[in-house]
Amino acid sequence: MRLVSNSGPILSFARANRLDALNAVVVELFIPEAVYDDIVIAGQGKAGAREVADAGWIRRTHLTDTSSADRLSLRLHAGERQAIALARELKLPLLVDEREARKVASALGLTFLGSLRILREAKRLGVITEIKPLVHELTSAGMYISDVILHNFLREVGES
């Protein structure tokens, strides 16, 4: 799978030391400059910084039209705006967990998915045998998932 991502999902997997699970599902992950800067430059010394800088499967990608990101909602962070613009430009799905960014992506007709979908795919591919322990790792590392969404998701994948 090839995707564009903002910082949130990458950082969640990195903080849980599970970028391997993300990489098993996503063979090529494109990130815009603001996401790279957020994770690698501003996050120097923190979880994910070195891994993202060194990962051959994560591709730092420049927007052709930077003004397309500038025209998006200012309620979004720069990385979210650039990731949405890059997904439009590359015609690729967007990996994003934040509600407001999903609303903007949806309004623009973009296909998007979240970290839970990555976990479902990892299980389907046999990369992981159970989702629930990995969800626990991600939430323990700071990822927020509402109780209702988590309960429904775990029920859908047969792990409630």
C-alpha atoms as a PDB file:
ATOM      1  CA  MET A   1       0.000   0.000   0.000  1.00  0.00           C
ATOM      2  CA  ARG A   2       1.190   3.533  -0.777  1.00  0.00           C
ATOM      3  CA  LEU A   3      -0.072   6.381   1.414  1.00  0.00           C
ATOM      4  CA  VAL A   4       0.528   9.977   2.421  1.00  0.00           C
ATOM      5  CA  SER A   5       0.611  10.653   6.157  1.00  0.00           C
ATOM      6  CA  ASN A   6       0.612  13.444   8.649  1.00  0.00           C
ATOM      7  CA  SER A   7       2.679  13.226  11.847  1.00  0.00           C
ATOM      8  CA  GLY A   8       0.119  11.707  14.216  1.00  0.00           C
ATOM      9  CA  PRO A   9      -0.037   8.085  13.051  1.00  0.00           C
ATOM     10  CA  ILE A  10       3.716   7.864  12.467  1.00  0.00           C
ATOM     11  CA  LEU A  11       4.462   9.203  15.934  1.00  0.00           C
ATOM     12  CA  SER A  12       1.939   6.855  17.526  1.00  0.00           C
ATOM     13  CA  PHE A  13       3.554   3.799  15.962  1.00  0.00           C
ATOM     14  CA  ALA A  14       7.059   5.127  16.713  1.00  0.00           C
ATOM     15  CA  ARG A  15       6.319   5.828  20.390  1.00  0.00           C
ATOM     16  CA  ALA A  16       4.998   2.277  20.738  1.00  0.00           C
ATOM     17  CA  ASN A  17       8.154   0.970  18.991  1.00  0.00           C
ATOM     18  CA  ARG A  18       5.940  -0.524  16.281  1.00  0.00           C
ATOM     19  CA  LEU A  19       6.904   1.265  13.076  1.00  0.00           C
ATOM     20  CA  ASP A  20       7.540  -2.289  11.837  1.00  0.00           C
ATOM     21  CA  ALA A  21       3.788  -2.980  11.871  1.00  0.00           C
ATOM     22  CA  LEU A  22       3.111   0.214   9.923  1.00  0.00           C
ATOM     23  CA  ASN A  23       5.838  -0.653   7.409  1.00  0.00           C
ATOM     24  CA  ALA A  24       4.499  -4.174   6.955  1.00  0.00           C
ATOM     25  CA  VAL A  25       1.242  -2.694   5.652  1.00  0.00           C
ATOM     26  CA  VAL A  26       2.545   0.489   4.031  1.00  0.00           C
ATOM     27  CA  VAL A  27       5.396  -0.181   1.624  1.00  0.00           C
ATOM     28  CA  GLU A  28       5.788   3.471   0.658  1.00  0.00           C
ATOM     29  CA  LEU A  29       4.783   6.367   2.912  1.00  0.00           C
ATOM     30  CA  PHE A  30       5.014   9.908   1.572  1.00  0.00           C
ATOM     31  CA  ILE A  31       5.354  12.779   4.023  1.00  0.00           C
ATOM     32  CA  PRO A  32       5.456  16.503   3.244  1.00  0.00           C
ATOM     33  CA  GLU A  33       8.130  18.872   4.538  1.00  0.00           C
ATOM     34  CA  ALA A  34       6.131  20.053   7.562  1.00  0.00           C
ATOM     35  CA  VAL A  35       5.656  16.457   8.740  1.00  0.00           C
ATOM     36  CA  TYR A  36       9.339  15.670   8.254  1.00  0.00           C
ATOM     37  CA  ASP A  37      10.287  18.830  10.156  1.00  0.00           C
ATOM     38  CA  ASP A  38       7.834  18.025  12.963  1.00  0.00           C
ATOM     39  CA  ILE A  39       9.117  14.484  13.455  1.00  0.00           C
ATOM     40  CA  VAL A  40      12.805  14.688  12.528  1.00  0.00           C
ATOM     41  CA  ILE A  41      13.913  18.300  13.102  1.00  0.00           C
ATOM     42  CA  ALA A  42      11.704  19.554  15.946  1.00  0.00           C
ATOM     43  CA  GLY A  43      11.503  16.024  17.372  1.00  0.00           C
ATOM     44  CA  GLN A  44      15.227  15.398  17.348  1.00  0.00           C
ATOM     45  CA  GLY A  45      16.095  12.900  20.070  1.00  0.00           C
ATOM     46  CA  LYS A  46      12.460  11.827  20.478  1.00  0.00           C
ATOM     47  CA  ALA A  47      10.729   8.631  19.390  1.00  0.00           C
ATOM     48  CA  GLY A  48      10.572   8.305  15.627  1.00  0.00           C
ATOM     49  CA  ALA A  49      13.041  11.031  14.682  1.00  0.00           C
ATOM     50  CA  ARG A  50      15.958   8.801  13.716  1.00  0.00           C
ATOM     51  CA  GLU A  51      13.715   6.018  12.397  1.00  0.00           C
ATOM     52  CA  VAL A  52      11.876   8.360  10.043  1.00  0.00           C
ATOM     53  CA  ALA A  53      15.093  10.038   8.900  1.00  0.00           C
ATOM     54  CA  ASP A  54      16.665   6.644   8.124  1.00  0.00           C
ATOM     55  CA  ALA A  55      13.633   4.766   6.770  1.00  0.00           C
ATOM     56  CA  GLY A  56      13.906   4.076   3.067  1.00  0.00           C
ATOM     57  CA  TRP A  57      10.178   3.382   2.866  1.00  0.00           C
ATOM     58  CA  ILE A  58       9.263   6.838   4.222  1.00  0.00           C
ATOM     59  CA  ARG A  59       9.715   9.393   1.477  1.00  0.00           C
ATOM     60  CA  ARG A  60      10.084  13.094   2.239  1.00  0.00           C
ATOM     61  CA  THR A  61       8.206  14.724  -0.629  1.00  0.00           C
ATOM     62  CA  HIS A  62       7.980  18.361  -1.682  1.00  0.00           C
ATOM     63  CA  LEU A  63       4.627  19.810  -2.663  1.00  0.00           C
ATOM     64  CA  THR A  64       4.551  21.071  -6.228  1.00  0.00           C
ATOM     65  CA  ASP A  65       1.981  23.711  -5.303  1.00  0.00           C
ATOM     66  CA  THR A  66       2.578  24.898  -1.735  1.00  0.00           C
ATOM     67  CA  SER A  67      -0.286  27.377  -1.981  1.00  0.00           C
ATOM     68  CA  SER A  68      -2.749  24.473  -2.101  1.00  0.00           C
ATOM     69  CA  ALA A  69      -1.884  23.687   1.535  1.00  0.00           C
ATOM     70  CA  ASP A  70      -2.074  27.354   2.510  1.00  0.00           C
ATOM     71  CA  ARG A  71      -5.681  27.536   1.295  1.00  0.00           C
ATOM     72  CA  LEU A  72      -6.843  24.800   3.695  1.00  0.00           C
ATOM     73  CA  SER A  73      -8.414  25.418   7.092  1.00  0.00           C
ATOM     74  CA  LEU A  74      -6.153  27.218   9.531  1.00  0.00           C
ATOM     75  CA  ARG A  75      -7.635  25.043  12.274  1.00  0.00           C
ATOM     76  CA  LEU A  76      -5.359  22.307  10.948  1.00  0.00           C
ATOM     77  CA  HIS A  77      -1.652  22.090  11.753  1.00  0.00           C
ATOM     78  CA  ALA A  78       0.791  22.788   8.926  1.00  0.00           C
ATOM     79  CA  GLY A  79       1.614  19.071   8.654  1.00  0.00           C
ATOM     80  CA  GLU A  80      -2.043  18.148   8.286  1.00  0.00           C
ATOM     81  CA  ARG A  81      -2.599  20.834   5.639  1.00  0.00           C
ATOM     82  CA  GLN A  82       0.483  19.773   3.692  1.00  0.00           C
ATOM     83  CA  ALA A  83      -0.371  16.060   3.982  1.00  0.00           C
ATOM     84  CA  ILE A  84      -3.872  16.692   2.624  1.00  0.00           C
ATOM     85  CA  ALA A  85      -2.460  18.777  -0.226  1.00  0.00           C
ATOM     86  CA  LEU A  86       0.176  16.127  -0.980  1.00  0.00           C
ATOM     87  CA  ALA A  87      -2.425  13.344  -1.012  1.00  0.00           C
ATOM     88  CA  ARG A  88      -4.421  15.363  -3.552  1.00  0.00           C
ATOM     89  CA  GLU A  89      -1.326  16.036  -5.606  1.00  0.00           C
ATOM     90  CA  LEU A  90      -0.118  12.414  -5.627  1.00  0.00           C
ATOM     91  CA  LYS A  91      -3.666  11.005  -5.867  1.00  0.00           C
ATOM     92  CA  LEU A  92      -2.992   8.696  -2.935  1.00  0.00           C
ATOM     93  CA  PRO A  93      -5.009   7.845   0.183  1.00  0.00           C
ATOM     94  CA  LEU A  94      -4.252   9.791   3.348  1.00  0.00           C
ATOM     95  CA  LEU A  95      -3.305   8.202   6.671  1.00  0.00           C
ATOM     96  CA  VAL A  96      -4.764  10.480   9.328  1.00  0.00           C
ATOM     97  CA  ASP A  97      -6.410   9.986  12.711  1.00  0.00           C
ATOM     98  CA  GLU A  98      -7.447  13.528  13.674  1.00  0.00           C
ATOM     99  CA  ARG A  99     -11.141  14.268  13.249  1.00  0.00           C
ATOM    100  CA  GLU A 100     -10.847  17.806  11.838  1.00  0.00           C
ATOM    101  CA  ALA A 101      -8.287  16.735   9.233  1.00  0.00           C
ATOM    102  CA  ARG A 102     -10.558  13.850   8.230  1.00  0.00           C
ATOM    103  CA  LYS A 103     -13.453  16.274   7.761  1.00  0.00           C
ATOM    104  CA  VAL A 104     -11.374  18.466   5.460  1.00  0.00           C
ATOM    105  CA  ALA A 105     -10.064  15.442   3.531  1.00  0.00           C
ATOM    106  CA  SER A 106     -13.595  14.104   3.145  1.00  0.00           C
ATOM    107  CA  ALA A 107     -14.893  17.477   1.923  1.00  0.00           C
ATOM    108  CA  LEU A 108     -12.166  17.407  -0.736  1.00  0.00           C
ATOM    109  CA  GLY A 109     -13.158  13.923  -1.838  1.00  0.00           C
ATOM    110  CA  LEU A 110      -9.966  12.283  -0.581  1.00  0.00           C
ATOM    111  CA  THR A 111      -9.768   8.681   0.479  1.00  0.00           C
ATOM    112  CA  PHE A 112      -8.409   8.423   4.001  1.00  0.00           C
ATOM    113  CA  LEU A 113      -7.819   5.780   6.609  1.00  0.00           C
ATOM    114  CA  GLY A 114      -6.597   5.697  10.166  1.00  0.00           C
ATOM    115  CA  SER A 115      -4.267   3.741  12.378  1.00  0.00           C
ATOM    116  CA  LEU A 116      -6.957   1.199  13.248  1.00  0.00           C
ATOM    117  CA  ARG A 117      -7.280   0.306   9.570  1.00  0.00           C
ATOM    118  CA  ILE A 118      -3.513  -0.257   9.486  1.00  0.00           C
ATOM    119  CA  LEU A 119      -3.870  -2.661  12.410  1.00  0.00           C
ATOM    120  CA  ARG A 120      -6.715  -4.502  10.681  1.00  0.00           C
ATOM    121  CA  GLU A 121      -4.577  -4.888   7.566  1.00  0.00           C
ATOM    122  CA  ALA A 122      -1.586  -6.041   9.616  1.00  0.00           C
ATOM    123  CA  LYS A 123      -3.735  -8.779  11.119  1.00  0.00           C
ATOM    124  CA  ARG A 124      -5.200  -9.734   7.750  1.00  0.00           C
ATOM    125  CA  LEU A 125      -1.680 -10.023   6.319  1.00  0.00           C
ATOM    126  CA  GLY A 126      -0.540 -12.149   9.269  1.00  0.00           C
ATOM    127  CA  VAL A 127       1.939  -9.538  10.502  1.00  0.00           C
ATOM    128  CA  ILE A 128       0.233  -9.575  13.884  1.00  0.00           C
ATOM    129  CA  THR A 129      -2.016 -12.262  15.312  1.00  0.00           C
ATOM    130  CA  GLU A 130      -3.980  -9.997  17.650  1.00  0.00           C
ATOM    131  CA  ILE A 131      -4.887  -6.338  17.404  1.00  0.00           C
ATOM    132  CA  LYS A 132      -5.866  -5.718  21.010  1.00  0.00           C
ATOM    133  CA  PRO A 133      -2.312  -5.872  22.493  1.00  0.00           C
ATOM    134  CA  LEU A 134      -1.015  -3.505  19.808  1.00  0.00           C
ATOM    135  CA  VAL A 135      -3.883  -1.086  20.431  1.00  0.00           C
ATOM    136  CA  HIS A 136      -2.896  -1.178  24.098  1.00  0.00           C
ATOM    137  CA  GLU A 137       0.723  -0.377  23.160  1.00  0.00           C
ATOM    138  CA  LEU A 138      -0.393   2.534  20.975  1.00  0.00           C
ATOM    139  CA  THR A 139      -2.746   4.013  23.567  1.00  0.00           C
ATOM    140  CA  SER A 140      -0.161   3.543  26.340  1.00  0.00           C
ATOM    141  CA  ALA A 141       2.246   5.497  24.148  1.00  0.00           C
ATOM    142  CA  GLY A 142      -0.225   8.393  23.902  1.00  0.00           C
ATOM    143  CA  MET A 143      -2.531   7.649  20.972  1.00  0.00           C
ATOM    144  CA  TYR A 144      -6.131   8.607  21.728  1.00  0.00           C
ATOM    145  CA  ILE A 145      -8.973   6.339  20.669  1.00  0.00           C
ATOM    146  CA  SER A 146     -12.430   6.911  22.115  1.00  0.00           C
ATOM    147  CA  ASP A 147     -13.824   4.041  24.147  1.00  0.00           C
ATOM    148  CA  VAL A 148     -16.821   3.706  21.840  1.00  0.00           C
ATOM    149  CA  ILE A 149     -14.716   3.553  18.668  1.00  0.00           C
ATOM    150  CA  LEU A 150     -12.289   1.115  20.269  1.00  0.00           C
ATOM    151  CA  HIS A 151     -15.057  -1.142  21.570  1.00  0.00           C
ATOM    152  CA  ASN A 152     -16.822  -1.206  18.183  1.00  0.00           C
ATOM    153  CA  PHE A 153     -13.564  -1.802  16.320  1.00  0.00           C
ATOM    154  CA  LEU A 154     -12.485  -4.677  18.565  1.00  0.00           C
ATOM    155  CA  ARG A 155     -15.931  -6.226  18.179  1.00  0.00           C
ATOM    156  CA  GLU A 156     -15.662  -5.919  14.364  1.00  0.00           C
ATOM    157  CA  VAL A 157     -12.315  -7.742  14.346  1.00  0.00           C
ATOM    158  CA  GLY A 158     -13.522 -10.395  16.803  1.00  0.00           C
ATOM    159  CA  GLU A 159     -11.409  -9.292  19.739  1.00  0.00           C
ATOM    160  CA  SER A 160     -13.892  -7.688  22.140  1.00  0.00           C
END
